[in-house]
Amino acid sequence: MESEYEKMRNLAHRIKAQIVLIHIPQCPPWNDSAAYPGQRLAQWCANHDVAFVDTLPALKGAAKDTVLYWKKDGHCTAEGYKVIAETVYSALLEKGFVP
């Protein structure tokens, strides 16, 4: 996977674009191992000057009050996608990618 991320980063660099990688975890339960993919991706992004957004903390927090994933198939509900969208938008604002 990391070689594919590298290709994406190189392409973005060539066309003078910014790239943001986003960690969206699978449905709960979210134990310690659920954080590993985001941690690994965050480290890769830090080492390659790529912006990164981890939606796991926001999803974990919101899951206390609402259903974010369908039990039937593990896909996000509308509320789950709302949390993801708000998290990504806030991060893009913070990083100066959107006005």
N, C-alpha and C. Protein backbone atom coordinates (compact mmCIF):
# COMPACT_ATOMS: atom_id res chain seq x y z
N MET A 1 0.81 -1.19 0.00
CA MET A 1 0.00 0.00 0.00
C MET A 1 0.86 1.26 0.00
N GLU A 2 1.93 1.22 0.76
CA GLU A 2 2.73 2.43 0.87
C GLU A 2 3.33 2.85 -0.46
N SER A 3 3.63 1.89 -1.31
CA SER A 3 4.14 2.26 -2.63
C SER A 3 3.06 2.96 -3.45
N GLU A 4 1.81 2.58 -3.24
CA GLU A 4 0.70 3.25 -3.93
C GLU A 4 0.52 4.67 -3.39
N TYR A 5 0.65 4.84 -2.08
CA TYR A 5 0.60 6.19 -1.49
C TYR A 5 1.70 7.06 -2.06
N GLU A 6 2.87 6.45 -2.23
CA GLU A 6 4.01 7.19 -2.78
C GLU A 6 3.71 7.66 -4.21
N LYS A 7 3.11 6.80 -5.00
CA LYS A 7 2.73 7.19 -6.37
C LYS A 7 1.73 8.34 -6.35
N MET A 8 0.76 8.27 -5.45
CA MET A 8 -0.24 9.34 -5.35
C MET A 8 0.43 10.65 -4.93
N ARG A 9 1.33 10.57 -3.95
CA ARG A 9 2.03 11.77 -3.50
C ARG A 9 2.88 12.37 -4.62
N ASN A 10 3.57 11.53 -5.36
CA ASN A 10 4.41 12.01 -6.45
C ASN A 10 3.58 12.66 -7.55
N LEU A 11 2.46 12.06 -7.86
CA LEU A 11 1.57 12.65 -8.87
C LEU A 11 1.07 14.01 -8.41
N ALA A 12 0.63 14.09 -7.19
CA ALA A 12 0.14 15.37 -6.65
C ALA A 12 1.25 16.41 -6.70
N HIS A 13 2.45 16.02 -6.32
CA HIS A 13 3.59 16.94 -6.34
C HIS A 13 3.88 17.45 -7.75
N ARG A 14 3.82 16.54 -8.73
CA ARG A 14 4.09 16.92 -10.12
C ARG A 14 3.10 17.95 -10.64
N ILE A 15 1.86 17.85 -10.22
CA ILE A 15 0.84 18.79 -10.73
C ILE A 15 0.58 19.93 -9.75
N LYS A 16 1.46 20.03 -8.75
CA LYS A 16 1.41 21.08 -7.74
C LYS A 16 0.07 21.09 -6.98
N ALA A 17 -0.36 19.90 -6.62
CA ALA A 17 -1.60 19.73 -5.87
C ALA A 17 -1.28 19.24 -4.46
N GLN A 18 -2.22 19.43 -3.58
CA GLN A 18 -2.12 18.90 -2.23
C GLN A 18 -2.85 17.56 -2.18
N ILE A 19 -2.38 16.67 -1.35
CA ILE A 19 -3.04 15.39 -1.16
C ILE A 19 -3.29 15.21 0.34
N VAL A 20 -4.43 14.65 0.65
CA VAL A 20 -4.80 14.37 2.04
C VAL A 20 -5.23 12.91 2.11
N LEU A 21 -4.63 12.15 3.01
CA LEU A 21 -5.04 10.77 3.22
C LEU A 21 -5.90 10.72 4.48
N ILE A 22 -6.96 9.94 4.42
CA ILE A 22 -7.96 9.91 5.49
C ILE A 22 -8.13 8.48 5.98
N HIS A 23 -8.05 8.32 7.28
CA HIS A 23 -8.30 7.01 7.90
C HIS A 23 -9.77 6.96 8.33
N ILE A 24 -10.53 6.06 7.71
CA ILE A 24 -11.93 5.81 8.08
C ILE A 24 -12.00 4.35 8.50
N PRO A 25 -12.18 4.12 9.80
CA PRO A 25 -12.14 2.74 10.29
C PRO A 25 -13.40 1.97 9.93
N GLN A 26 -13.25 0.65 9.96
CA GLN A 26 -14.41 -0.21 9.79
C GLN A 26 -15.27 -0.09 11.04
N CYS A 27 -16.44 -0.69 10.97
CA CYS A 27 -17.39 -0.59 12.08
C CYS A 27 -16.81 -1.15 13.37
N PRO A 28 -17.37 -0.72 14.50
CA PRO A 28 -16.90 -1.21 15.80
C PRO A 28 -17.08 -2.71 15.93
N PRO A 29 -16.48 -3.33 16.92
CA PRO A 29 -15.85 -2.70 18.09
C PRO A 29 -14.48 -2.13 17.76
N TRP A 30 -14.17 -1.02 18.40
CA TRP A 30 -12.89 -0.36 18.18
C TRP A 30 -12.00 -0.58 19.39
N ASN A 31 -11.22 -1.64 19.34
CA ASN A 31 -10.26 -1.91 20.40
C ASN A 31 -8.92 -1.28 20.01
N ASP A 32 -7.88 -1.59 20.74
CA ASP A 32 -6.57 -0.98 20.46
C ASP A 32 -6.08 -1.26 19.04
N SER A 33 -6.41 -2.44 18.51
CA SER A 33 -5.93 -2.77 17.16
C SER A 33 -6.60 -1.92 16.09
N ALA A 34 -7.75 -1.34 16.38
CA ALA A 34 -8.44 -0.50 15.39
C ALA A 34 -7.66 0.78 15.10
N ALA A 35 -6.85 1.20 16.04
CA ALA A 35 -6.08 2.42 15.86
C ALA A 35 -4.82 2.20 15.02
N TYR A 36 -4.36 0.96 14.91
CA TYR A 36 -3.10 0.69 14.21
C TYR A 36 -3.06 1.20 12.77
N PRO A 37 -4.07 0.93 11.94
CA PRO A 37 -3.98 1.44 10.56
C PRO A 37 -3.83 2.96 10.51
N GLY A 38 -4.57 3.67 11.33
CA GLY A 38 -4.45 5.12 11.35
C GLY A 38 -3.09 5.59 11.84
N GLN A 39 -2.57 4.92 12.85
CA GLN A 39 -1.25 5.28 13.37
C GLN A 39 -0.17 5.05 12.31
N ARG A 40 -0.26 3.93 11.63
CA ARG A 40 0.74 3.63 10.60
C ARG A 40 0.64 4.63 9.44
N LEU A 41 -0.59 4.94 9.03
CA LEU A 41 -0.79 5.90 7.95
C LEU A 41 -0.35 7.30 8.38
N ALA A 42 -0.62 7.67 9.62
CA ALA A 42 -0.19 8.98 10.13
C ALA A 42 1.33 9.10 10.08
N GLN A 43 2.01 8.03 10.46
CA GLN A 43 3.48 8.05 10.45
C GLN A 43 4.01 8.16 9.02
N TRP A 44 3.40 7.42 8.10
CA TRP A 44 3.83 7.50 6.71
C TRP A 44 3.62 8.93 6.20
N CYS A 45 2.47 9.50 6.49
CA CYS A 45 2.18 10.86 6.04
C CYS A 45 3.18 11.86 6.61
N ALA A 46 3.48 11.73 7.89
CA ALA A 46 4.45 12.64 8.51
C ALA A 46 5.82 12.52 7.85
N ASN A 47 6.21 11.31 7.51
CA ASN A 47 7.52 11.09 6.88
C ASN A 47 7.58 11.55 5.43
N HIS A 48 6.41 11.73 4.79
CA HIS A 48 6.38 12.08 3.38
C HIS A 48 5.69 13.41 3.10
N ASP A 49 5.53 14.22 4.14
CA ASP A 49 4.94 15.55 4.01
C ASP A 49 3.57 15.51 3.31
N VAL A 50 2.71 14.63 3.81
CA VAL A 50 1.36 14.47 3.28
C VAL A 50 0.38 14.74 4.42
N ALA A 51 -0.66 15.50 4.14
CA ALA A 51 -1.66 15.79 5.16
C ALA A 51 -2.44 14.52 5.49
N PHE A 52 -2.86 14.42 6.75
CA PHE A 52 -3.55 13.23 7.23
C PHE A 52 -4.70 13.61 8.13
N VAL A 53 -5.81 12.87 8.00
CA VAL A 53 -6.97 13.05 8.87
C VAL A 53 -7.38 11.68 9.39
N ASP A 54 -7.50 11.57 10.71
CA ASP A 54 -7.94 10.32 11.33
C ASP A 54 -9.35 10.54 11.87
N THR A 55 -10.32 9.83 11.33
CA THR A 55 -11.71 9.99 11.77
C THR A 55 -12.06 9.10 12.95
N LEU A 56 -11.17 8.19 13.33
CA LEU A 56 -11.47 7.26 14.42
C LEU A 56 -11.85 7.96 15.73
N PRO A 57 -11.07 8.94 16.21
CA PRO A 57 -11.45 9.57 17.48
C PRO A 57 -12.85 10.19 17.44
N ALA A 58 -13.20 10.86 16.37
CA ALA A 58 -14.53 11.48 16.27
C ALA A 58 -15.62 10.42 16.21
N LEU A 59 -15.37 9.36 15.47
CA LEU A 59 -16.37 8.29 15.39
C LEU A 59 -16.55 7.60 16.73
N LYS A 60 -15.46 7.36 17.43
CA LYS A 60 -15.57 6.73 18.76
C LYS A 60 -16.38 7.61 19.70
N GLY A 61 -16.14 8.90 19.66
CA GLY A 61 -16.88 9.81 20.53
C GLY A 61 -18.35 9.86 20.18
N ALA A 62 -18.66 9.95 18.90
CA ALA A 62 -20.06 10.04 18.47
C ALA A 62 -20.81 8.74 18.66
N ALA A 63 -20.11 7.61 18.64
CA ALA A 63 -20.76 6.31 18.76
C ALA A 63 -21.40 6.10 20.13
N LYS A 64 -21.00 6.91 21.10
CA LYS A 64 -21.59 6.80 22.44
C LYS A 64 -23.05 7.23 22.44
N ASP A 65 -23.41 8.09 21.48
CA ASP A 65 -24.75 8.68 21.48
C ASP A 65 -25.64 8.27 20.30
N THR A 66 -25.06 7.71 19.26
CA THR A 66 -25.85 7.41 18.07
C THR A 66 -25.27 6.22 17.32
N VAL A 67 -26.09 5.62 16.47
CA VAL A 67 -25.66 4.48 15.65
C VAL A 67 -24.98 5.03 14.40
N LEU A 68 -23.73 4.66 14.18
CA LEU A 68 -22.96 5.19 13.06
C LEU A 68 -22.75 4.19 11.93
N TYR A 69 -22.96 2.91 12.21
CA TYR A 69 -22.77 1.87 11.21
C TYR A 69 -23.98 0.93 11.23
N TRP A 70 -24.36 0.45 10.07
CA TRP A 70 -25.43 -0.54 9.98
C TRP A 70 -24.90 -1.89 10.44
N LYS A 71 -25.64 -2.55 11.31
CA LYS A 71 -25.21 -3.87 11.80
C LYS A 71 -25.23 -4.92 10.69
N LYS A 72 -26.15 -4.74 9.74
CA LYS A 72 -26.32 -5.72 8.68
C LYS A 72 -25.09 -5.86 7.80
N ASP A 73 -24.48 -4.74 7.41
CA ASP A 73 -23.38 -4.82 6.46
C ASP A 73 -22.13 -4.03 6.84
N GLY A 74 -22.17 -3.32 7.96
CA GLY A 74 -21.00 -2.60 8.42
C GLY A 74 -20.72 -1.28 7.73
N HIS A 75 -21.60 -0.85 6.84
CA HIS A 75 -21.43 0.45 6.20
C HIS A 75 -21.96 1.55 7.12
N CYS A 76 -21.50 2.76 6.90
CA CYS A 76 -21.94 3.88 7.72
C CYS A 76 -23.41 4.20 7.49
N THR A 77 -24.04 4.66 8.56
CA THR A 77 -25.36 5.26 8.45
C THR A 77 -25.16 6.71 8.02
N ALA A 78 -26.26 7.42 7.80
CA ALA A 78 -26.16 8.84 7.47
C ALA A 78 -25.43 9.59 8.58
N GLU A 79 -25.69 9.22 9.83
CA GLU A 79 -25.01 9.87 10.96
C GLU A 79 -23.51 9.59 10.94
N GLY A 80 -23.13 8.38 10.57
CA GLY A 80 -21.71 8.06 10.47
C GLY A 80 -21.02 8.90 9.41
N TYR A 81 -21.66 9.01 8.25
CA TYR A 81 -21.07 9.83 7.18
C TYR A 81 -21.02 11.30 7.58
N LYS A 82 -21.99 11.73 8.37
CA LYS A 82 -21.99 13.12 8.83
C LYS A 82 -20.77 13.37 9.73
N VAL A 83 -20.50 12.46 10.64
CA VAL A 83 -19.33 12.60 11.51
C VAL A 83 -18.05 12.63 10.68
N ILE A 84 -17.95 11.73 9.72
CA ILE A 84 -16.76 11.69 8.86
C ILE A 84 -16.62 13.00 8.09
N ALA A 85 -17.69 13.46 7.48
CA ALA A 85 -17.64 14.70 6.69
C ALA A 85 -17.26 15.90 7.55
N GLU A 86 -17.84 16.01 8.72
CA GLU A 86 -17.52 17.13 9.61
C GLU A 86 -16.07 17.07 10.06
N THR A 87 -15.58 15.89 10.34
CA THR A 87 -14.19 15.72 10.77
C THR A 87 -13.23 16.11 9.65
N VAL A 88 -13.50 15.63 8.46
CA VAL A 88 -12.63 15.96 7.32
C VAL A 88 -12.68 17.45 7.02
N TYR A 89 -13.88 18.02 7.00
CA TYR A 89 -14.01 19.46 6.71
C TYR A 89 -13.27 20.30 7.74
N SER A 90 -13.43 19.97 9.02
CA SER A 90 -12.73 20.71 10.07
C SER A 90 -11.22 20.61 9.90
N ALA A 91 -10.74 19.42 9.57
CA ALA A 91 -9.29 19.25 9.37
C ALA A 91 -8.81 20.04 8.17
N LEU A 92 -9.58 20.05 7.10
CA LEU A 92 -9.17 20.81 5.91
C LEU A 92 -9.16 22.31 6.20
N LEU A 93 -10.11 22.77 6.99
CA LEU A 93 -10.11 24.18 7.40
C LEU A 93 -8.86 24.50 8.22
N GLU A 94 -8.59 23.63 9.18
CA GLU A 94 -7.44 23.83 10.08
C GLU A 94 -6.13 23.84 9.31
N LYS A 95 -6.03 23.00 8.27
CA LYS A 95 -4.80 22.91 7.48
C LYS A 95 -4.73 23.99 6.40
N GLY A 96 -5.79 24.78 6.27
CA GLY A 96 -5.80 25.86 5.29
C GLY A 96 -6.09 25.42 3.87
N PHE A 97 -6.70 24.24 3.70
CA PHE A 97 -7.00 23.74 2.37
C PHE A 97 -8.32 24.28 1.82
N VAL A 98 -9.18 24.76 2.68
CA VAL A 98 -10.44 25.36 2.23
C VAL A 98 -10.59 26.70 2.95
N PRO A 99 -11.25 27.65 2.27
CA PRO A 99 -11.41 28.99 2.89
C PRO A 99 -12.40 28.98 4.03
